[in-house]
Amino acid sequence: MTATPSEPRPGLPGLLDRYLGPDATASDGLRVAVAGLGGLLLGLLTVPAPLAERVLLALLTAELCAGLMAALNHAGKAWIHRPTRRLPRLLLFVALQTIPLTLFIWLFRGQDLALLASTVALLFAGSAAVMLAPAAWQRAVGLVALLGVLFALQHFHTQAPAGAWFLPLAYARTFLAHLPAPRPD
């Protein structure tokens, strides 16, 4: 992994570079595509809902899974945590994660505002814990935050079996893949 990632290419290829990391290999891109395809199928096939809602869930889940895999690759990790944009970019990422959480709860959890408030509060609390932890501890803190969130959601909110995987996957992407700083090992 290079210390400072290359700059993205201009134009449409640059959008892909910004998603995967400019130094991503072809196998990185393939892993991200396979993860996205798996997410697409998971969203389409596992929740009994009208077709339009399943398609929306499939698109959200495809991006969630592809983004999780992109953030786990060395090139993606280096791009996310480049020194010039680390904190503002991470804060924006966490704030933007409220969008898929809100859409999921609005469409598939009966517009449960208490659940929405809990998921957003837990997202910000867990994200703050990971970002404030020393780099060597961020993965462990992310795992503890994920487990704490899962416990809180299970203890305080009823979870319908259909789509029960969505919230844990969203938190795993944030706490375990995106926010922890890259490590040399």
Protein backbone atom coordinates (compact mmCIF):
# COMPACT_ATOMS: atom_id res chain seq x y z
CA MET A 1 0.00 0.00 0.00
CA THR A 2 1.42 3.38 -0.96
CA ALA A 3 1.59 6.09 1.67
CA THR A 4 -0.11 8.67 -0.52
CA PRO A 5 -2.55 7.39 -3.15
CA SER A 6 -2.34 8.49 -6.76
CA GLU A 7 -4.74 11.10 -8.04
CA PRO A 8 -7.93 9.85 -9.73
CA ARG A 9 -8.09 9.86 -13.49
CA PRO A 10 -10.17 12.57 -15.18
CA GLY A 11 -13.72 11.94 -16.32
CA LEU A 12 -15.81 8.82 -15.76
CA PRO A 13 -12.85 6.57 -14.90
CA GLY A 14 -12.10 9.02 -12.09
CA LEU A 15 -15.48 8.26 -10.49
CA LEU A 16 -14.49 4.61 -10.31
CA ASP A 17 -11.10 5.63 -8.90
CA ARG A 18 -12.83 7.62 -6.17
CA TYR A 19 -14.97 4.63 -5.24
CA LEU A 20 -12.29 1.91 -5.35
CA GLY A 21 -9.23 4.04 -4.68
CA PRO A 22 -7.01 5.28 -7.53
CA ASP A 23 -4.46 2.50 -7.01
CA ALA A 24 -7.00 -0.35 -7.06
CA THR A 25 -6.10 -3.46 -9.00
CA ALA A 26 -8.34 -5.38 -11.36
CA SER A 27 -8.87 -8.02 -8.66
CA ASP A 28 -9.96 -5.26 -6.24
CA GLY A 29 -12.55 -4.16 -8.79
CA LEU A 30 -13.70 -7.74 -9.31
CA ARG A 31 -14.12 -8.32 -5.56
CA VAL A 32 -16.15 -5.11 -5.26
CA ALA A 33 -18.32 -6.11 -8.24
CA VAL A 34 -18.96 -9.59 -6.81
CA ALA A 35 -19.85 -8.10 -3.42
CA GLY A 36 -22.20 -5.64 -5.13
CA LEU A 37 -23.86 -8.45 -7.10
CA GLY A 38 -24.29 -10.45 -3.89
CA GLY A 39 -25.87 -7.43 -2.23
CA LEU A 40 -28.17 -6.93 -5.21
CA LEU A 41 -29.40 -10.52 -4.98
CA LEU A 42 -29.74 -10.33 -1.20
CA GLY A 43 -31.91 -7.22 -1.47
CA LEU A 44 -34.02 -8.58 -4.31
CA LEU A 45 -34.66 -12.06 -3.02
CA THR A 46 -34.95 -11.97 0.78
CA VAL A 47 -37.61 -9.40 1.66
CA PRO A 48 -41.27 -9.99 0.81
CA ALA A 49 -42.29 -6.57 -0.50
CA PRO A 50 -43.65 -5.01 -3.67
CA LEU A 51 -41.22 -5.15 -6.58
CA ALA A 52 -40.41 -1.42 -6.53
CA GLU A 53 -39.43 -1.58 -2.86
CA ARG A 54 -37.34 -4.71 -3.40
CA VAL A 55 -35.53 -3.03 -6.29
CA LEU A 56 -34.76 -0.02 -4.08
CA LEU A 57 -33.56 -2.33 -1.30
CA ALA A 58 -31.46 -4.27 -3.82
CA LEU A 59 -29.78 -1.07 -5.02
CA LEU A 60 -29.13 0.09 -1.44
CA THR A 61 -27.74 -3.31 -0.49
CA ALA A 62 -25.60 -3.58 -3.62
CA GLU A 63 -23.99 -0.23 -2.82
CA LEU A 64 -23.64 -1.19 0.83
CA CYS A 65 -21.87 -4.48 0.04
CA ALA A 66 -19.73 -3.02 -2.74
CA GLY A 67 -18.77 -0.08 -0.52
CA LEU A 68 -17.89 -2.40 2.33
CA MET A 69 -15.57 -4.39 0.06
CA ALA A 70 -14.07 -1.23 -1.49
CA ALA A 71 -13.31 0.16 1.98
CA LEU A 72 -11.59 -3.10 2.97
CA ASN A 73 -9.20 -3.06 -0.01
CA HIS A 74 -5.80 -1.44 0.50
CA ALA A 75 -6.35 1.08 -2.30
CA GLY A 76 -9.76 2.07 -0.98
CA LYS A 77 -8.49 2.34 2.58
CA ALA A 78 -5.58 4.55 1.46
CA TRP A 79 -7.94 6.78 -0.54
CA ILE A 80 -10.46 7.11 2.30
CA HIS A 81 -7.79 7.96 4.83
CA ARG A 82 -5.53 10.18 2.74
CA PRO A 83 -3.98 12.80 5.01
CA THR A 84 -5.42 15.86 3.27
CA ARG A 85 -9.09 14.94 3.65
CA ARG A 86 -9.38 12.40 6.45
CA LEU A 87 -11.63 14.01 9.10
CA PRO A 88 -14.01 16.02 6.86
CA ARG A 89 -14.48 13.06 4.54
CA LEU A 90 -15.14 10.65 7.40
CA LEU A 91 -17.67 13.01 9.00
CA LEU A 92 -19.46 13.45 5.67
CA PHE A 93 -19.50 9.67 5.15
CA VAL A 94 -21.07 9.08 8.58
CA ALA A 95 -23.67 11.79 7.96
CA LEU A 96 -24.54 10.30 4.56
CA GLN A 97 -25.05 6.86 6.11
CA THR A 98 -28.25 8.19 7.67
CA ILE A 99 -29.83 8.18 4.19
CA PRO A 100 -29.89 4.39 3.60
CA LEU A 101 -30.79 3.79 7.25
CA THR A 102 -33.71 6.20 6.94
CA LEU A 103 -34.91 4.70 3.65
CA PHE A 104 -34.72 1.18 5.04
CA ILE A 105 -36.61 2.02 8.23
CA TRP A 106 -39.16 4.13 6.39
CA LEU A 107 -39.93 1.44 3.82
CA PHE A 108 -39.40 -1.82 5.69
CA ARG A 109 -39.94 -1.04 9.37
CA GLY A 110 -43.26 0.75 9.20
CA GLN A 111 -41.87 4.28 9.53
CA ASP A 112 -40.80 3.56 13.12
CA LEU A 113 -39.47 6.94 14.27
CA ALA A 114 -38.15 5.55 17.56
CA LEU A 115 -36.10 2.98 15.66
CA LEU A 116 -34.88 5.66 13.26
CA ALA A 117 -33.79 7.91 16.13
CA SER A 118 -32.03 4.99 17.81
CA THR A 119 -30.23 3.85 14.67
CA VAL A 120 -28.98 7.35 13.87
CA ALA A 121 -27.89 8.02 17.48
CA LEU A 122 -26.12 4.65 17.61
CA LEU A 123 -24.47 5.35 14.26
CA PHE A 124 -23.03 8.64 15.49
CA ALA A 125 -22.02 7.27 18.90
CA GLY A 126 -20.27 4.22 17.44
CA SER A 127 -18.61 6.30 14.73
CA ALA A 128 -17.33 8.80 17.29
CA ALA A 129 -15.91 5.96 19.38
CA VAL A 130 -14.05 4.51 16.38
CA MET A 131 -12.73 7.87 15.16
CA LEU A 132 -11.56 8.94 18.63
CA ALA A 133 -9.77 5.65 19.35
CA PRO A 134 -6.04 5.38 18.63
CA ALA A 135 -5.40 3.88 15.18
CA ALA A 136 -4.15 0.59 16.63
CA TRP A 137 -7.42 0.16 18.55
CA GLN A 138 -9.92 1.31 15.92
CA ARG A 139 -10.78 -2.16 14.59
CA ALA A 140 -11.38 -3.52 18.09
CA VAL A 141 -13.42 -0.47 19.07
CA GLY A 142 -15.39 -0.84 15.82
CA LEU A 143 -16.22 -4.45 16.66
CA VAL A 144 -17.28 -3.53 20.20
CA ALA A 145 -19.39 -0.67 18.79
CA LEU A 146 -21.01 -3.06 16.31
CA LEU A 147 -21.81 -5.57 19.04
CA GLY A 148 -23.16 -2.81 21.28
CA VAL A 149 -25.40 -1.51 18.52
CA LEU A 150 -26.71 -4.99 17.76
CA PHE A 151 -27.42 -5.57 21.45
CA ALA A 152 -29.21 -2.22 21.79
CA LEU A 153 -31.33 -2.76 18.69
CA GLN A 154 -32.29 -6.28 19.73
CA HIS A 155 -32.98 -5.28 23.32
CA PHE A 156 -34.98 -2.11 22.69
CA HIS A 157 -36.63 -2.70 19.30
CA THR A 158 -38.43 -5.62 17.74
CA GLN A 159 -36.74 -6.77 14.57
CA ALA A 160 -38.77 -8.31 11.78
CA PRO A 161 -37.02 -11.39 10.36
CA ALA A 162 -37.21 -10.14 6.75
CA GLY A 163 -34.33 -7.79 6.15
CA ALA A 164 -32.90 -8.25 9.64
CA TRP A 165 -29.46 -8.35 8.00
CA PHE A 166 -29.60 -4.76 6.65
CA LEU A 167 -28.84 -2.75 9.79
CA PRO A 168 -25.96 -4.96 10.98
CA LEU A 169 -24.46 -4.82 7.48
CA ALA A 170 -24.73 -1.03 7.41
CA TYR A 171 -23.06 -0.70 10.79
CA ALA A 172 -20.34 -3.21 9.86
CA ARG A 173 -19.51 -1.18 6.76
CA THR A 174 -19.15 1.97 8.83
CA PHE A 175 -17.53 0.68 12.02
CA LEU A 176 -15.32 -2.11 10.66
CA ALA A 177 -14.52 -1.21 7.06
CA HIS A 178 -14.73 2.52 6.43
CA LEU A 179 -13.73 4.31 9.63
CA PRO A 180 -10.74 2.35 11.00
CA ALA A 181 -7.45 3.80 9.74
CA PRO A 182 -5.26 1.63 7.52
CA ARG A 183 -2.62 -0.41 9.27
CA PRO A 184 0.73 -1.37 7.79
CA ASP A 185 0.06 -5.07 8.47
